[in-house]
Protein backbone atom coordinates (compact mmCIF):
# COMPACT_ATOMS: atom_id res chain seq x y z
CA MET A 1 30.17 45.89 -15.81
CA ASP A 2 33.04 43.50 -15.92
CA TRP A 3 31.95 39.96 -17.03
CA THR A 4 34.21 36.95 -16.70
CA LEU A 5 33.85 33.24 -17.22
CA THR A 6 35.43 30.55 -15.23
CA TYR A 7 36.03 27.10 -16.77
CA ASP A 8 38.36 24.34 -15.14
CA GLY A 9 40.06 27.01 -12.70
CA VAL A 10 40.84 29.73 -15.63
CA THR A 11 38.81 33.09 -15.71
CA GLN A 12 38.74 35.41 -18.35
CA THR A 13 36.69 37.90 -20.27
CA PHE A 14 34.38 36.63 -22.62
CA GLY A 15 36.77 38.44 -25.25
CA GLN A 16 39.61 36.38 -23.74
CA TRP A 17 37.57 33.26 -24.10
CA GLY A 18 36.59 33.87 -27.92
CA ILE A 19 32.88 33.76 -27.28
CA GLY A 20 29.87 35.99 -27.65
CA ASP A 21 26.01 35.78 -28.62
CA ILE A 22 25.64 35.32 -24.68
CA ARG A 23 21.80 34.89 -23.28
CA ARG A 24 20.83 33.46 -20.44
CA GLN A 25 16.82 31.94 -19.87
CA ARG A 26 15.44 31.61 -16.33
CA ILE A 27 12.12 29.82 -16.06
CA ASN A 28 9.48 29.31 -13.29
CA GLN A 29 9.73 25.32 -12.31
CA GLY A 30 12.04 24.67 -15.26
CA ARG A 31 15.78 24.36 -16.47
CA ASP A 32 17.50 27.67 -16.66
CA VAL A 33 20.01 27.79 -19.85
CA LEU A 34 22.85 29.88 -20.73
CA THR A 35 23.91 29.57 -24.27
CA PHE A 36 26.80 31.24 -26.35
CA ARG A 37 28.53 30.65 -29.61
CA HIS A 38 32.56 30.13 -29.71
CA VAL A 39 33.23 33.05 -32.52
CA ALA A 40 36.82 32.51 -32.77
CA ALA A 41 38.03 30.81 -36.16
CA GLN A 42 37.86 27.33 -36.07
CA ALA A 43 36.53 24.61 -38.12
CA LEU A 44 33.45 21.72 -37.44
CA THR A 45 35.82 19.24 -36.96
CA ASP A 46 37.70 20.69 -33.89
CA GLY A 47 37.21 19.83 -30.71
CA PRO A 48 35.16 21.73 -28.31
CA ILE A 49 37.06 24.23 -25.70
CA PHE A 50 34.50 23.01 -22.75
CA ALA A 51 34.11 19.94 -22.12
CA PRO A 52 30.51 18.28 -21.89
CA LEU A 53 29.33 17.80 -18.27
CA ALA A 54 31.81 20.38 -17.24
CA PRO A 55 31.25 23.22 -15.03
CA ILE A 56 30.64 26.73 -16.11
CA ARG A 57 30.52 29.90 -14.04
CA VAL A 58 29.83 33.34 -15.19
CA ASN A 59 30.37 36.29 -12.96
CA CYS A 60 29.02 40.14 -13.06
CA ASP A 61 32.06 41.96 -11.45
CA GLU A 62 32.53 39.93 -8.34
CA THR A 63 28.73 38.64 -7.96
CA GLN A 64 28.08 35.26 -9.10
CA TRP A 65 25.79 35.57 -12.21
CA PHE A 66 24.97 31.95 -13.59
CA LEU A 67 26.41 28.53 -12.55
CA GLY A 68 25.66 25.06 -14.64
CA VAL A 69 27.28 22.44 -16.67
CA VAL A 70 27.78 21.96 -20.45
CA THR A 71 25.11 19.80 -21.78
CA GLU A 72 25.04 20.59 -25.43
CA ILE A 73 27.65 21.43 -28.33
CA PRO A 74 25.88 21.81 -31.40
CA SER A 75 28.09 22.84 -34.35
CA TYR A 76 27.19 25.20 -37.01
CA GLY A 77 28.76 26.03 -40.42
CA ASP A 78 27.88 27.66 -43.69
CA GLY A 79 29.78 29.27 -46.55
CA SER A 80 31.30 32.22 -44.47
CA ASP A 81 31.44 30.82 -41.13
CA GLU A 82 32.04 27.71 -38.73
CA SER A 83 31.55 27.98 -35.12
CA LYS A 84 30.35 25.54 -32.07
CA TYR A 85 27.33 26.73 -29.95
CA TYR A 86 27.28 25.81 -26.25
CA LYS A 87 24.46 25.32 -24.05
CA VAL A 88 25.20 25.25 -20.59
CA SER A 89 21.86 23.63 -18.03
CA GLY A 90 21.73 25.19 -14.67
CA PRO A 91 21.09 23.45 -11.32
CA TRP A 92 17.22 22.16 -12.49
CA TRP A 93 19.21 19.91 -15.16
CA TYR A 94 20.39 17.82 -11.70
CA LEU A 95 16.63 17.84 -10.62
CA GLU A 96 15.75 16.40 -13.96
CA THR A 97 18.27 13.73 -14.06
CA THR A 98 17.80 12.21 -10.72
CA ILE A 99 14.87 9.92 -9.91
CA TYR A 100 13.35 10.53 -6.56
CA GLN A 101 12.94 7.83 -4.51
CA GLN A 102 11.36 7.21 -0.94
CA PRO A 103 12.35 4.46 1.85
CA TRP A 104 9.97 1.42 2.01
CA ALA A 105 9.90 -0.92 4.80
CA ILE A 106 10.89 -4.66 3.40
CA ALA A 107 11.59 -8.00 4.82
CA ALA A 108 15.44 -8.31 5.46
CA ASP A 109 14.95 -11.85 4.44
CA PRO A 110 12.99 -12.63 1.03
CA ASP A 111 12.29 -16.02 1.54
CA ASP A 112 11.19 -15.87 5.48
CA PRO A 113 7.60 -14.27 5.46
CA ASP A 114 8.10 -13.59 9.00
CA SER A 115 11.36 -11.75 8.55
CA PRO A 116 12.07 -8.21 10.26
CA LEU A 117 11.84 -5.53 8.36
CA THR A 118 14.65 -3.38 6.91
CA THR A 119 14.36 -0.40 4.96
CA ALA A 120 15.08 0.31 1.20
CA HIS A 121 14.66 3.39 -1.40
CA LYS A 122 12.17 2.91 -4.20
CA SER A 123 11.14 4.77 -7.13
CA HIS A 124 7.53 3.71 -6.47
CA ILE A 125 6.45 7.02 -4.09
CA ILE A 126 3.59 8.41 -2.37
CA LEU A 127 3.73 12.20 -2.57
CA GLY A 128 2.23 13.84 0.66
CA GLN A 129 3.14 11.05 2.85
CA SER A 130 6.02 10.61 5.48
CA GLU A 131 8.23 7.57 5.94
CA GLU A 132 6.20 6.76 9.01
CA GLY A 133 2.98 7.06 6.70
CA GLU A 134 2.10 10.66 8.55
CA VAL A 135 0.61 13.73 6.41
CA LEU A 136 3.24 15.65 4.83
CA SER A 137 2.29 19.37 4.11
CA ILE A 138 3.14 20.53 0.62
CA GLY A 139 6.22 22.45 1.84
CA ALA A 140 7.82 19.40 3.93
CA GLN A 141 7.00 16.99 0.90
CA LEU A 142 8.80 19.57 -1.04
CA ALA A 143 11.36 19.56 1.40
CA ASP A 144 11.62 15.93 1.44
CA ILE A 145 12.53 16.08 -2.35
CA LEU A 146 15.14 18.31 -2.21
CA ASP A 147 16.85 16.81 0.93
CA TYR A 148 17.08 13.30 -1.18
CA ALA A 149 18.50 15.52 -4.39
CA LEU A 150 21.14 16.67 -1.86
CA SER A 151 21.70 13.41 -0.71
CA CYS A 152 22.78 12.40 -4.22
CA GLY A 153 25.04 15.08 -4.23
CA ILE A 154 23.36 17.80 -6.50
CA PRO A 155 25.07 21.19 -6.02
CA ILE A 156 22.49 23.38 -4.50
CA SER A 157 21.39 24.89 -1.09
CA LEU A 158 17.85 25.19 0.13
CA GLY A 159 15.84 28.42 0.98
CA SER A 160 12.79 28.65 2.83
CA ILE A 161 9.56 27.06 1.61
CA ASN A 162 6.71 28.38 3.50
CA LEU A 163 3.66 26.01 1.86
CA SER A 164 1.40 24.61 4.99
CA GLN A 165 -0.98 23.25 2.90
CA THR A 166 -1.25 19.60 2.88
CA MET A 167 -2.29 17.34 -0.40
CA PRO A 168 -4.27 14.05 -1.29
CA PHE A 169 -1.65 11.14 -1.33
CA ASP A 170 -0.53 10.84 -4.62
CA GLU A 171 0.85 7.40 -5.38
CA CYS A 172 3.32 7.26 -8.78
CA LYS A 173 6.45 5.70 -10.00
CA ASP A 174 9.78 6.82 -11.43
CA LEU A 175 9.43 10.82 -11.25
CA SER A 176 12.36 12.62 -11.47
CA CYS A 177 13.04 15.31 -8.42
CA ALA A 178 11.88 18.24 -11.04
CA GLU A 179 8.61 16.02 -12.28
CA ALA A 180 7.95 15.36 -8.26
CA ILE A 181 8.22 18.90 -7.40
CA GLN A 182 5.73 19.96 -10.46
CA ARG A 183 3.34 17.56 -9.48
CA VAL A 184 3.37 18.52 -5.74
CA LEU A 185 3.11 22.34 -6.92
CA ARG A 186 0.04 21.94 -9.23
CA TRP A 187 -2.22 21.98 -6.05
CA VAL A 188 -0.61 25.54 -5.62
CA PRO A 189 -0.92 27.29 -9.03
CA ASP A 190 0.58 30.15 -7.98
CA ALA A 191 3.94 28.70 -6.37
CA MET A 192 7.16 30.11 -7.67
CA THR A 193 10.55 28.52 -8.28
CA TRP A 194 13.90 30.11 -8.58
CA PHE A 195 17.47 29.90 -8.12
CA ASP A 196 19.69 32.92 -6.45
CA TYR A 197 23.19 32.51 -8.38
CA GLY A 198 24.22 34.92 -6.02
CA THR A 199 25.47 32.17 -3.29
CA ALA A 200 28.61 29.96 -3.79
CA LEU A 201 26.02 27.21 -4.55
CA PRO A 202 22.66 28.35 -6.61
CA THR A 203 19.70 28.60 -3.82
CA LEU A 204 16.57 27.54 -4.93
CA HIS A 205 13.79 29.27 -3.12
CA ILE A 206 9.94 28.28 -3.48
CA ALA A 207 7.00 30.72 -2.61
CA ARG A 208 3.91 31.90 -3.25
CA ARG A 209 2.85 34.84 -5.70
CA MET A 210 2.05 36.87 -2.57
CA GLU A 211 5.03 36.35 -0.61
CA LEU A 212 7.53 37.86 -3.48
CA PRO A 213 8.60 41.60 -3.03
CA PRO A 214 7.37 43.78 -5.90
CA LEU A 215 9.53 44.59 -8.82
CA THR A 216 7.98 48.18 -10.31
CA ARG A 217 9.01 49.14 -14.01
CA ALA A 218 8.43 52.52 -15.45
CA MET A 219 6.98 52.96 -19.01
CA GLY A 220 10.18 54.67 -20.17
CA SER A 221 12.13 54.83 -23.30
CA SER A 222 13.81 51.44 -22.32
CA LEU A 223 10.60 49.58 -22.58
CA SER A 224 10.91 48.95 -26.27
CA SER A 225 7.46 46.36 -26.46
CA LEU A 226 4.62 45.28 -24.22
CA SER A 227 1.93 43.06 -24.58
CA ILE A 228 -0.49 43.01 -21.75
CA SER A 229 -3.63 41.34 -21.25
CA PRO A 230 -5.81 40.56 -18.28
CA ARG A 231 -7.48 37.18 -18.01
CA TYR A 232 -11.08 37.67 -16.71
CA ASP A 233 -11.49 34.28 -17.90
CA LEU A 234 -9.62 33.05 -14.92
CA LEU A 235 -11.30 35.22 -12.46
CA LEU A 236 -12.84 32.53 -9.81
CA ARG A 237 -15.60 33.27 -7.67
CA GLY A 238 -14.69 30.32 -5.96
CA VAL A 239 -13.24 26.65 -5.56
CA ALA A 240 -14.96 23.80 -4.32
CA ILE A 241 -13.14 20.40 -3.80
CA LYS A 242 -15.18 17.32 -3.15
CA TYR A 243 -13.51 14.67 -1.10
CA GLU A 244 -14.69 11.40 -2.12
CA ARG A 245 -14.00 7.92 -0.10
CA VAL A 246 -14.85 4.56 -0.44
CA HIS A 247 -14.83 2.62 2.79
CA SER A 248 -15.01 -0.96 3.43
CA ALA A 249 -15.83 -3.39 6.49
CA GLY A 250 -16.89 -6.93 6.80
CA GLY A 251 -17.69 -7.40 2.94
CA ARG A 252 -19.67 -4.10 2.91
CA THR A 253 -18.87 -0.93 1.07
CA TRP A 254 -20.10 2.67 1.19
CA ARG A 255 -19.12 6.16 0.00
CA THR A 256 -19.06 9.34 1.86
CA LEU A 257 -18.28 12.62 0.62
CA GLU A 258 -16.56 15.62 2.36
CA THR A 259 -16.70 19.37 0.19
CA ASP A 260 -14.00 21.81 1.34
CA ARG A 261 -15.27 25.37 -0.11
CA TYR A 262 -13.43 28.72 -0.20
CA PRO A 263 -15.23 31.03 0.16
CA VAL A 264 -17.33 28.85 2.52
CA GLU A 265 -20.32 30.47 1.89
CA ILE A 266 -20.02 30.46 -2.16
CA SER A 267 -22.59 28.59 -3.95
CA GLU A 268 -21.20 25.55 -6.22
CA GLN A 269 -24.40 25.93 -9.01
CA GLN A 270 -22.89 28.95 -10.99
CA PRO A 271 -20.66 29.61 -13.72
CA ARG A 272 -16.36 30.49 -12.80
CA ILE A 273 -16.72 27.83 -9.58
CA LEU A 274 -13.82 25.38 -10.28
CA ILE A 275 -14.93 22.00 -8.57
CA LEU A 276 -12.52 19.14 -8.25
CA THR A 277 -13.88 15.61 -7.07
CA VAL A 278 -10.63 13.88 -5.11
CA GLU A 279 -10.64 10.65 -4.39
CA LEU A 280 -9.34 9.58 -1.11
CA ALA A 281 -8.54 6.39 0.36
CA GLY A 282 -11.30 4.85 3.04
CA THR A 283 -11.48 3.19 5.97
CA GLN A 284 -10.23 -0.25 5.11
CA SER A 285 -11.23 -2.79 7.66
CA GLN A 286 -10.99 -6.72 7.24
CA TYR A 287 -12.39 -9.58 9.30
CA ILE A 288 -11.83 -13.29 9.24
CA SER A 289 -14.66 -15.48 10.70
CA GLN A 290 -15.08 -18.93 11.20
CA SER A 291 -18.50 -20.69 11.94
CA ILE A 292 -18.43 -23.96 14.01
CA ALA A 293 -20.44 -26.38 15.58
CA THR A 294 -20.06 -28.20 19.20
CA GLU A 295 -21.83 -30.57 21.48
CA GLU A 296 -21.14 -31.75 25.07
CA VAL A 297 -19.02 -34.71 25.55
CA ASP A 298 -21.42 -37.02 27.67
CA PRO A 299 -19.93 -40.45 28.01
CA ALA A 300 -22.28 -41.59 30.49
CA SER A 301 -25.42 -41.29 28.07
CA VAL A 302 -26.06 -44.36 25.87
CA ILE A 303 -27.31 -42.03 22.98
CA TRP A 304 -24.03 -39.97 22.94
CA TRP A 305 -22.17 -43.40 22.36
CA GLN A 306 -25.00 -44.52 19.48
CA ASP A 307 -24.16 -41.42 17.86
CA HIS A 308 -20.47 -42.28 17.92
CA LEU A 309 -20.55 -46.32 17.44
CA PRO A 310 -22.99 -46.82 14.09
CA ALA A 311 -23.17 -50.59 15.17
CA LEU A 312 -25.32 -49.52 18.31
CA ALA A 313 -27.45 -46.86 16.17
CA SER A 314 -29.83 -49.37 15.50
CA LEU A 315 -30.31 -50.81 18.99
CA ASP A 316 -32.98 -50.10 21.73
CA PRO A 317 -31.20 -47.53 24.16
CA ASP A 318 -33.19 -49.91 26.88
CA ASP A 319 -30.51 -52.79 25.84
CA ILE A 320 -27.39 -51.04 26.31
CA THR A 321 -25.93 -50.76 29.65
CA ILE A 322 -22.70 -48.63 30.34
CA LEU A 323 -20.57 -50.50 32.92
CA SER A 324 -17.64 -47.91 33.33
CA TYR A 325 -16.03 -45.11 31.07
CA GLY A 326 -13.71 -42.73 31.29
CA ARG A 327 -11.80 -40.07 29.06
CA ASP A 328 -8.26 -38.45 28.33
CA SER A 329 -9.51 -34.75 28.11
CA THR A 330 -11.47 -32.43 30.83
CA LEU A 331 -12.64 -30.11 27.99
CA PRO A 332 -16.42 -30.00 27.99
CA ARG A 333 -17.29 -29.98 24.55
CA GLU A 334 -16.35 -31.66 21.18
CA LEU A 335 -15.90 -30.39 17.72
CA ARG A 336 -18.44 -31.69 15.27
CA ASP A 337 -18.22 -29.15 12.31
CA GLY A 338 -15.96 -25.98 11.32
CA GLY A 339 -12.49 -25.59 12.16
CA ILE A 340 -10.37 -23.76 15.22
CA ALA A 341 -7.53 -21.55 14.44
CA ASP A 342 -5.11 -19.71 17.13
CA TRP A 343 -7.02 -16.42 16.47
CA MET A 344 -10.21 -17.64 18.06
CA ASP A 345 -8.59 -17.72 21.24
CA VAL A 346 -10.22 -21.47 22.57
CA SER A 347 -8.68 -24.62 23.55
CA ALA A 348 -8.61 -27.42 21.72
CA GLU A 349 -6.97 -31.12 21.99
CA THR A 350 -7.25 -34.59 21.11
CA ASP A 351 -9.67 -36.42 23.54
CA ILE A 352 -10.08 -40.69 23.88
CA VAL A 353 -13.45 -41.75 25.36
CA ARG A 354 -13.34 -45.04 26.62
CA ALA A 355 -16.42 -47.23 27.99
CA THR A 356 -17.12 -50.78 28.83
CA LEU A 357 -20.80 -51.65 27.22
CA ALA A 358 -22.89 -54.55 27.53
CA TYR A 359 -26.05 -54.94 24.99
CA ASP A 360 -28.44 -57.74 23.66
CA ASP A 361 -29.50 -57.18 19.69
CA GLY A 362 -31.64 -60.55 19.66
CA ALA A 363 -29.22 -62.49 18.04
CA THR A 364 -26.03 -61.91 19.95
CA GLY A 365 -25.49 -60.74 23.50
CA VAL A 366 -22.58 -59.07 24.40
CA ALA A 367 -21.91 -59.15 28.28
CA GLN A 368 -19.11 -57.10 28.19
CA GLN A 369 -17.42 -54.77 25.23
CA GLU A 370 -14.24 -52.09 25.64
CA VAL A 371 -14.75 -49.56 22.93
CA ALA A 372 -13.07 -46.04 22.40
CA VAL A 373 -13.75 -42.91 20.54
CA LYS A 374 -11.14 -40.42 19.34
CA ILE A 375 -12.42 -36.93 19.17
CA LYS A 376 -11.40 -33.32 18.86
CA ALA A 377 -12.35 -31.91 22.58
CA THR A 378 -12.95 -28.25 22.71
CA ASP A 379 -13.92 -25.40 25.10
CA ALA A 380 -15.80 -23.59 22.34
CA VAL A 381 -19.16 -23.08 21.58
CA SER A 382 -21.08 -23.36 18.76
CA GLN A 383 -21.09 -19.88 17.29
CA THR A 384 -19.50 -17.65 14.58
CA TYR A 385 -16.17 -16.28 15.86
CA ALA A 386 -15.14 -13.02 13.99
CA ARG A 387 -11.78 -11.10 14.09
CA LEU A 388 -10.37 -7.93 13.00
CA SER A 389 -7.82 -9.11 10.65
CA SER A 390 -6.69 -5.60 9.17
CA PHE A 391 -7.45 -2.06 9.59
CA ALA A 392 -6.62 0.91 7.40
CA ASP A 393 -7.75 4.45 8.54
CA ALA A 394 -9.45 6.57 6.07
CA GLU A 395 -6.96 9.27 4.39
CA ALA A 396 -6.92 12.41 6.03
CA THR A 397 -8.69 15.54 4.31
CA PRO A 398 -6.16 17.87 2.92
CA THR A 399 -5.97 21.01 4.50
CA GLY A 400 -6.33 24.50 2.85
CA LEU A 401 -6.04 23.43 -1.05
CA SER A 402 -9.61 25.09 -1.86
CA ARG A 403 -8.21 28.28 -0.27
CA ALA A 404 -4.52 28.01 -1.84
CA ILE A 405 -6.09 27.76 -5.49
CA TYR A 406 -8.76 30.65 -5.03
CA GLU A 407 -6.13 32.97 -3.56
CA SER A 408 -3.76 32.07 -6.98
CA PHE A 409 -6.89 33.25 -9.38
CA GLY A 410 -9.35 35.32 -7.10
CA ASP A 411 -7.67 38.60 -8.03
CA LEU A 412 -7.69 39.81 -11.92
CA THR A 413 -4.47 38.06 -13.36
CA PHE A 414 -2.46 39.86 -15.88
CA GLU A 415 -0.32 37.93 -18.66
CA GLY A 416 2.04 39.25 -21.29
CA THR A 417 5.40 39.95 -22.25
CA LEU A 418 7.97 43.12 -21.87
CA GLN A 419 11.06 43.65 -23.45
CA ILE A 420 13.81 46.11 -22.31
CA SER A 421 16.48 47.55 -24.93
CA GLY A 422 19.53 49.54 -24.91
CA GLU A 423 20.28 49.51 -21.05
CA GLU A 424 23.15 47.72 -19.27
CA ILE A 425 21.79 44.49 -17.91
CA SER A 426 21.47 44.53 -14.53
CA PRO A 427 20.24 41.73 -12.20
CA ILE A 428 16.73 41.08 -12.61
CA PRO A 429 14.82 38.82 -9.74
CA MET A 430 12.77 35.81 -11.12
CA GLY A 431 11.04 35.86 -7.43
CA ALA A 432 9.17 39.00 -7.71
CA ARG A 433 5.97 40.60 -8.42
CA LEU A 434 5.77 42.47 -11.62
CA ASN A 435 4.38 45.89 -11.69
CA LEU A 436 4.14 48.67 -14.20
CA THR A 437 3.95 52.50 -13.63
CA GLY A 438 3.07 55.14 -16.18
CA GLY A 439 0.18 52.99 -18.00
CA ASN A 440 -2.99 51.60 -17.01
CA VAL A 441 -3.77 52.44 -13.25
CA LEU A 442 -4.51 48.44 -12.57
CA TRP A 443 -0.93 47.63 -14.01
CA GLU A 444 0.57 49.16 -10.94
CA THR A 445 -0.90 46.82 -8.78
CA MET A 446 -1.23 43.95 -11.03
CA ASP A 447 1.37 41.71 -8.85
CA ALA A 448 2.07 39.49 -11.98
CA GLN A 449 4.45 36.68 -11.66
CA ILE A 450 7.56 36.63 -13.70
CA GLN A 451 7.42 33.35 -15.42
CA GLU A 452 10.12 33.41 -17.65
CA CYS A 453 13.08 35.99 -18.24
CA ALA A 454 15.31 36.00 -20.93
CA GLU A 455 18.56 38.25 -21.41
CA HIS A 456 20.80 38.97 -24.21
CA LEU A 457 24.36 40.40 -22.93
CA ASP A 458 25.35 41.58 -26.49
CA THR A 459 22.78 43.39 -27.47
CA GLY A 460 21.23 44.65 -23.67
CA THR A 461 17.71 42.74 -24.34
CA VAL A 462 15.83 41.73 -21.66
CA ARG A 463 12.42 39.95 -22.52
CA MET A 464 10.22 38.80 -19.65
CA ARG A 465 7.03 36.60 -19.97
CA PHE A 466 4.59 36.86 -16.87
CA GLY A 467 1.32 35.79 -15.88
CA PRO A 468 -0.10 32.15 -15.33
CA PRO A 469 2.35 29.09 -15.97
CA LYS A 470 1.72 28.42 -19.57
CA HIS A 471 4.43 26.21 -19.88
CA LEU A 472 3.25 24.04 -17.02
CA GLY A 473 -0.05 23.17 -18.75
CA LEU A 474 -2.32 26.12 -16.97
CA LYS A 475 -4.05 28.39 -19.85
CA ASP A 476 -7.62 28.16 -18.82
CA LEU A 477 -10.03 27.24 -15.97
CA ILE A 478 -10.44 23.89 -17.96
CA GLN A 479 -6.85 23.20 -17.79
CA LEU A 480 -6.67 24.27 -14.21
CA SER A 481 -9.22 21.40 -13.47
CA ARG A 482 -7.11 18.69 -15.18
CA VAL A 483 -4.63 18.87 -12.19
CA ASN A 484 -6.84 16.09 -10.87
CA ARG A 485 -8.33 14.39 -13.61
CA ARG A 486 -5.88 11.29 -13.82
CA ARG A 487 -5.23 10.93 -10.12
CA GLU A 488 -6.76 7.59 -8.39
CA ALA A 489 -6.50 7.17 -4.87
CA PRO A 490 -3.63 5.51 -3.51
CA ARG A 491 -3.51 1.69 -2.99
CA SER A 492 -0.15 1.20 -1.36
CA VAL A 493 -0.37 3.74 1.41
CA TYR A 494 0.02 1.41 4.32
CA ILE A 495 2.10 -1.12 2.52
CA ARG A 496 4.84 1.45 2.63
CA THR A 497 5.10 1.37 6.53
CA ASN A 498 4.41 -2.02 7.25
CA GLY A 499 5.95 -4.10 4.68
CA GLU A 500 3.29 -6.17 4.08
CA GLY A 501 1.47 -7.24 0.54
CA SER A 502 -1.99 -5.87 -0.64
CA ASP A 503 -3.86 -9.09 0.10
CA ASP A 504 -5.03 -9.60 3.37
CA HIS A 505 -3.22 -12.23 5.98
CA ILE A 506 -5.98 -15.19 6.45
CA GLU A 507 -5.05 -17.65 9.33
CA GLN A 508 -5.95 -21.09 8.55
CA ALA A 509 -7.99 -23.58 11.11
CA ARG A 510 -5.25 -25.64 12.87
CA GLU A 511 -8.00 -27.83 14.66
CA MET A 512 -10.56 -30.12 12.42
CA PRO A 513 -13.57 -32.34 13.77
CA GLN A 514 -11.95 -35.92 14.20
CA GLU A 515 -13.73 -39.11 15.08
CA ASN A 516 -12.09 -42.63 15.23
CA THR A 517 -13.89 -45.63 16.75
CA HIS A 518 -12.29 -48.54 18.34
CA THR A 519 -13.85 -51.52 19.48
CA GLY A 520 -11.49 -53.78 22.13
CA THR A 521 -11.82 -57.53 23.73
CA THR A 522 -15.62 -58.19 23.62
CA THR A 523 -17.20 -61.17 25.94
CA TYR A 524 -20.36 -62.52 24.51
CA SER A 525 -23.55 -63.98 26.88
CA HIS A 526 -25.35 -65.82 23.96
CA LEU A 527 -24.79 -66.38 20.10
CA LEU A 528 -27.52 -67.58 17.77
CA LEU A 529 -26.42 -68.83 14.26
CA ALA A 530 -28.95 -69.02 11.90
CA ASP A 531 -29.62 -69.97 8.26
CA GLY A 532 -30.66 -66.93 6.36
CA THR A 533 -33.17 -68.98 4.11
CA ASP A 534 -34.50 -71.14 6.78
CA ASP A 535 -34.48 -69.71 10.26
CA THR A 536 -35.76 -73.00 11.57
CA ARG A 537 -32.36 -74.31 11.23
CA ARG A 538 -30.48 -72.80 13.97
CA ILE A 539 -27.62 -73.14 16.61
CA ALA A 540 -28.07 -71.22 19.81
CA LEU A 541 -25.19 -70.65 22.63
CA ASP A 542 -26.79 -68.90 25.38
CA THR A 543 -25.12 -68.86 28.77
CA ARG A 544 -27.96 -68.22 30.30
CA GLN A 545 -29.22 -71.37 29.96
CA ILE A 546 -26.40 -72.81 32.22
CA GLY A 547 -27.83 -73.26 35.52
CA LEU A 548 -24.76 -74.13 37.45
CA THR A 549 -22.01 -71.81 38.73
CA GLY A 550 -18.66 -72.90 37.08
CA LEU A 551 -20.11 -74.81 34.46
CA VAL A 552 -18.22 -74.40 31.17
CA LEU A 553 -19.20 -75.87 27.95
CA GLN A 554 -15.99 -76.34 25.93
CA PRO A 555 -14.58 -78.83 23.25
CA ARG A 556 -14.32 -82.01 24.93
CA GLU A 557 -12.83 -85.68 23.79
CA GLU A 558 -14.74 -88.56 24.47
CA ASP A 559 -14.67 -92.40 23.52
CA VAL A 560 -17.28 -93.78 21.01
CA CYS A 561 -17.35 -97.26 19.18
CA GLU A 562 -18.51 -96.94 15.39
CA ASN A 563 -19.05 -100.54 13.52
CA GLY A 564 -17.23 -102.33 16.49
CA ILE A 565 -14.22 -99.99 16.35
CA LEU A 566 -13.15 -97.91 19.46
CA LYS A 567 -12.57 -94.44 18.39
CA LYS A 568 -12.86 -90.67 19.95
CA ARG A 569 -14.34 -87.66 19.11
CA LEU A 570 -14.70 -84.08 20.08
CA THR A 571 -18.01 -82.45 21.59
CA LEU A 572 -19.16 -79.47 22.63
CA ALA A 573 -19.93 -80.45 26.35
CA SER A 574 -19.73 -79.35 30.29
CA GLN A 575 -17.89 -81.26 32.70
CA PRO A 576 -19.72 -84.03 34.26
CA TYR A 577 -22.12 -83.07 37.24
CA THR A 578 -24.30 -84.74 39.70
CA PRO A 579 -27.92 -83.38 39.34
CA ASP A 580 -28.90 -84.39 43.03
CA GLU A 581 -26.02 -83.30 44.63
CA ASN A 582 -25.64 -80.35 42.59
CA LYS A 583 -22.04 -80.58 42.23
CA LEU A 584 -19.65 -80.39 40.19
CA SER A 585 -17.27 -83.57 39.48
CA THR A 586 -13.74 -83.50 37.92
CA PRO A 587 -13.68 -83.55 34.36
């Protein structure tokens, strides 16, 4: 095999570059790394021959074997040797250094609460949800993460992703694309990710264990070491996922529980049953209500006027006469208590009710008085009005999760390491199910996942680690149950699409009760002035005692003689008249 390295447009063999100790390490859901040492004589103070963040490509014959960028250049020296090491990171490094963002609806004008919406990307994300607020399958969510990574210029291509299961919405912030992928795949423990370096841009593949092709190795002389252990402790009898929701409506809350079991008939009350309680967003509905009191507007009623004019309240209704009345509005009722808002779908307007009254309180006789009252007229009735102000449907129940987890551990899982030595290194696929022949019969069909593969070109040594993904934190059944412990039900599921805040919008009442009284011109029929301490001393003016029509009592000037001197004075008197003729004379 001919091995070459290409850098900055120059392709040479390893020997021509002066490098050795060449190793490649590939890992499931992690960063592939190529390391080598520049063995040519150099001093620690010499500059690197490969620049930081420069792309490096390694070919085996005509096939690309690795492609990445230089991320570390440590120097090493002792009494006999000085050298530089190079660490070249594979494409997963780009996913680790790119923060995943999702589009959110936000106001185009931050100062206008009624602004139209526009779209902006935020690192506040909700995994499992589309831009339209719909449920995404796990495969679709992974594709969305990777599509975003491609839009950022990450140099990879995408293979097929066949994961139709759905997951609970997972709200989080500031995750790299790599972390987002790992977070989603925790719901599918047997999922594998690997890069195929044989394409111009490394192709990322994601698949479950049973979708991988088998890789069979014989127990021959090249197998220099083997450690293998069956994981009976991970052999599940079943999986039960309990989906708990808290619903609220009209100030009331209640809880519901939905259980997804696989196998369906399994009993939960026994060992080796994985039980996960997953909190989902429940139905959220908010009502606004307003209680109001109204009464009929009846300007023809003396009682109605006494209720609106405090000065009349103490009079006997029989002593009050309504001579005429009218009003500006035709709405039948007036608002007495509460408030009217637009959402109530009723009419309200300012009304002025007018009347001409006559009344007698014993001391004062009012022959005619103009009065007016300003009220808030409406066609609403006395009741509590209510309207649904906001509604959010319950989060959809994930599909296929319990089965996916069970199938990951329903069969006996093997874990261990093996080392192959003394062979020319040939490409070993990461996306494969490992089986061993020539040993225990169970090993021939164990279908173990290859989690890590380290190849040392100089020695022709390949070391593989297979079994559950320990580097992702999955060590035992307890670790598996922790996938869900810190997850909380999302709080911003519906904000992402509607651009509104988390507080409900409450419409305030625009029409409130209104009452202002007004008294116009008053004509009195009689007037009694009395001393408050002695009611025998009174002055009575009573038009009812004037017997002649047209007779007017008013101040009049008359001649008087006082102490022999002719003077004048004003007296309250009528014009002269002759009683016999019952006629008025000229004043």
